[in-house]
Amino acid sequence: MFEHLGGWLRLRLDRRAVTAIEYAMIAGTAGIAALGGATLIGTSLRSIFTKLGSAFH
């Protein structure tokens, strides 16, 4: 029963996995923000070019 305790304790003291998860969450949040920003910019540009196109017809 106690042979697994050493492995569990080593895993519990290892902070690398926690750091990797934190960085993954930061990267995911940044990706979602970038996607949202690109969507807003794309919608605005479409509106601008639609108005310009209508002005030339």
N, C-alpha and C. Protein backbone atom coordinates (compact mmCIF):
# COMPACT_ATOMS: atom_id res chain seq x y z
N MET A 1 0.81 -1.19 0.00
CA MET A 1 0.00 0.00 0.00
C MET A 1 0.86 1.26 0.00
N PHE A 2 1.97 1.25 0.69
CA PHE A 2 2.80 2.45 0.81
C PHE A 2 3.73 2.65 -0.38
N GLU A 3 3.83 1.67 -1.29
CA GLU A 3 4.72 1.85 -2.43
C GLU A 3 4.20 2.93 -3.38
N HIS A 4 2.91 3.18 -3.41
CA HIS A 4 2.35 4.22 -4.27
C HIS A 4 2.43 5.60 -3.63
N LEU A 5 2.67 5.65 -2.35
CA LEU A 5 2.72 6.92 -1.65
C LEU A 5 3.88 7.79 -2.13
N GLY A 6 5.03 7.18 -2.38
CA GLY A 6 6.19 7.93 -2.86
C GLY A 6 5.94 8.56 -4.22
N GLY A 7 5.33 7.80 -5.13
CA GLY A 7 5.01 8.32 -6.46
C GLY A 7 3.99 9.44 -6.38
N TRP A 8 3.00 9.28 -5.54
CA TRP A 8 1.97 10.30 -5.37
C TRP A 8 2.57 11.57 -4.80
N LEU A 9 3.47 11.42 -3.83
CA LEU A 9 4.10 12.58 -3.20
C LEU A 9 4.98 13.32 -4.19
N ARG A 10 5.74 12.58 -5.03
CA ARG A 10 6.57 13.23 -6.05
C ARG A 10 5.70 14.00 -7.04
N LEU A 11 4.60 13.39 -7.45
CA LEU A 11 3.70 14.05 -8.39
C LEU A 11 3.07 15.28 -7.76
N ARG A 12 2.75 15.19 -6.51
CA ARG A 12 2.11 16.30 -5.79
C ARG A 12 3.07 17.49 -5.66
N LEU A 13 4.35 17.22 -5.53
CA LEU A 13 5.33 18.29 -5.36
C LEU A 13 5.83 18.86 -6.69
N ASP A 14 5.52 18.19 -7.80
CA ASP A 14 5.97 18.64 -9.12
C ASP A 14 5.04 19.72 -9.63
N ARG A 15 5.54 20.93 -9.82
CA ARG A 15 4.70 22.06 -10.24
C ARG A 15 4.70 22.27 -11.76
N ARG A 16 5.46 21.46 -12.49
CA ARG A 16 5.54 21.67 -13.93
C ARG A 16 4.20 21.48 -14.62
N ALA A 17 3.45 20.49 -14.21
CA ALA A 17 2.15 20.24 -14.84
C ALA A 17 1.19 21.39 -14.58
N VAL A 18 1.21 21.92 -13.38
CA VAL A 18 0.34 23.04 -13.05
C VAL A 18 0.71 24.25 -13.89
N THR A 19 1.99 24.50 -14.05
CA THR A 19 2.45 25.63 -14.85
C THR A 19 2.04 25.45 -16.31
N ALA A 20 2.16 24.25 -16.83
CA ALA A 20 1.77 23.98 -18.22
C ALA A 20 0.27 24.22 -18.41
N ILE A 21 -0.53 23.81 -17.46
CA ILE A 21 -1.97 24.03 -17.55
C ILE A 21 -2.29 25.52 -17.50
N GLU A 22 -1.61 26.25 -16.65
CA GLU A 22 -1.83 27.70 -16.57
C GLU A 22 -1.49 28.38 -17.89
N TYR A 23 -0.35 28.01 -18.48
CA TYR A 23 0.02 28.59 -19.77
C TYR A 23 -0.97 28.21 -20.86
N ALA A 24 -1.48 27.01 -20.84
CA ALA A 24 -2.48 26.59 -21.83
C ALA A 24 -3.76 27.40 -21.67
N MET A 25 -4.16 27.67 -20.44
CA MET A 25 -5.36 28.48 -20.22
C MET A 25 -5.16 29.91 -20.70
N ILE A 26 -3.98 30.47 -20.47
CA ILE A 26 -3.67 31.82 -20.94
C ILE A 26 -3.68 31.86 -22.47
N ALA A 27 -3.06 30.87 -23.10
CA ALA A 27 -3.02 30.82 -24.56
C ALA A 27 -4.42 30.66 -25.14
N GLY A 28 -5.24 29.83 -24.51
CA GLY A 28 -6.61 29.65 -24.98
C GLY A 28 -7.42 30.93 -24.87
N THR A 29 -7.27 31.63 -23.77
CA THR A 29 -7.99 32.90 -23.58
C THR A 29 -7.52 33.93 -24.60
N ALA A 30 -6.22 34.00 -24.85
CA ALA A 30 -5.70 34.93 -25.85
C ALA A 30 -6.21 34.58 -27.24
N GLY A 31 -6.29 33.30 -27.54
CA GLY A 31 -6.81 32.87 -28.84
C GLY A 31 -8.27 33.24 -29.03
N ILE A 32 -9.07 33.05 -28.00
CA ILE A 32 -10.48 33.42 -28.08
C ILE A 32 -10.64 34.93 -28.25
N ALA A 33 -9.82 35.70 -27.52
CA ALA A 33 -9.87 37.16 -27.65
C ALA A 33 -9.46 37.60 -29.06
N ALA A 34 -8.43 36.97 -29.62
CA ALA A 34 -7.98 37.31 -30.96
C ALA A 34 -9.05 36.97 -31.99
N LEU A 35 -9.70 35.84 -31.82
CA LEU A 35 -10.76 35.44 -32.74
C LEU A 35 -11.94 36.42 -32.68
N GLY A 36 -12.29 36.81 -31.48
CA GLY A 36 -13.37 37.79 -31.33
C GLY A 36 -13.03 39.13 -31.94
N GLY A 37 -11.80 39.57 -31.73
CA GLY A 37 -11.36 40.84 -32.31
C GLY A 37 -11.34 40.79 -33.83
N ALA A 38 -10.86 39.69 -34.38
CA ALA A 38 -10.83 39.55 -35.84
C ALA A 38 -12.24 39.53 -36.41
N THR A 39 -13.16 38.90 -35.70
CA THR A 39 -14.55 38.88 -36.16
C THR A 39 -15.14 40.28 -36.18
N LEU A 40 -14.89 41.06 -35.13
CA LEU A 40 -15.40 42.43 -35.08
C LEU A 40 -14.80 43.30 -36.19
N ILE A 41 -13.51 43.16 -36.39
CA ILE A 41 -12.85 43.94 -37.45
C ILE A 41 -13.38 43.53 -38.82
N GLY A 42 -13.55 42.23 -39.02
CA GLY A 42 -14.07 41.75 -40.30
C GLY A 42 -15.46 42.27 -40.58
N THR A 43 -16.31 42.30 -39.57
CA THR A 43 -17.67 42.81 -39.74
C THR A 43 -17.64 44.30 -40.07
N SER A 44 -16.78 45.03 -39.39
CA SER A 44 -16.67 46.48 -39.66
C SER A 44 -16.15 46.73 -41.07
N LEU A 45 -15.16 45.98 -41.49
CA LEU A 45 -14.61 46.16 -42.84
C LEU A 45 -15.64 45.81 -43.90
N ARG A 46 -16.43 44.78 -43.67
CA ARG A 46 -17.46 44.41 -44.64
C ARG A 46 -18.46 45.56 -44.79
N SER A 47 -18.83 46.15 -43.68
CA SER A 47 -19.78 47.27 -43.72
C SER A 47 -19.19 48.46 -44.48
N ILE A 48 -17.94 48.76 -44.24
CA ILE A 48 -17.29 49.89 -44.92
C ILE A 48 -17.22 49.64 -46.43
N PHE A 49 -16.79 48.44 -46.85
CA PHE A 49 -16.66 48.15 -48.26
C PHE A 49 -18.02 48.05 -48.94
N THR A 50 -19.04 47.62 -48.22
CA THR A 50 -20.39 47.59 -48.78
C THR A 50 -20.87 49.00 -49.07
N LYS A 51 -20.63 49.92 -48.15
CA LYS A 51 -21.02 51.31 -48.35
C LYS A 51 -20.25 51.94 -49.51
N LEU A 52 -18.94 51.63 -49.58
CA LEU A 52 -18.13 52.17 -50.70
C LEU A 52 -18.63 51.62 -52.03
N GLY A 53 -18.94 50.32 -52.05
CA GLY A 53 -19.44 49.71 -53.29
C GLY A 53 -20.76 50.30 -53.71
N SER A 54 -21.62 50.59 -52.76
CA SER A 54 -22.92 51.18 -53.08
C SER A 54 -22.76 52.60 -53.60
N ALA A 55 -21.77 53.32 -53.13
CA ALA A 55 -21.54 54.69 -53.57
C ALA A 55 -21.08 54.74 -55.03
N PHE A 56 -20.41 53.71 -55.50
CA PHE A 56 -19.92 53.71 -56.88
C PHE A 56 -20.91 53.17 -57.87
N HIS A 57 -22.01 52.59 -57.42
CA HIS A 57 -23.01 52.06 -58.36
C HIS A 57 -24.00 53.08 -58.68
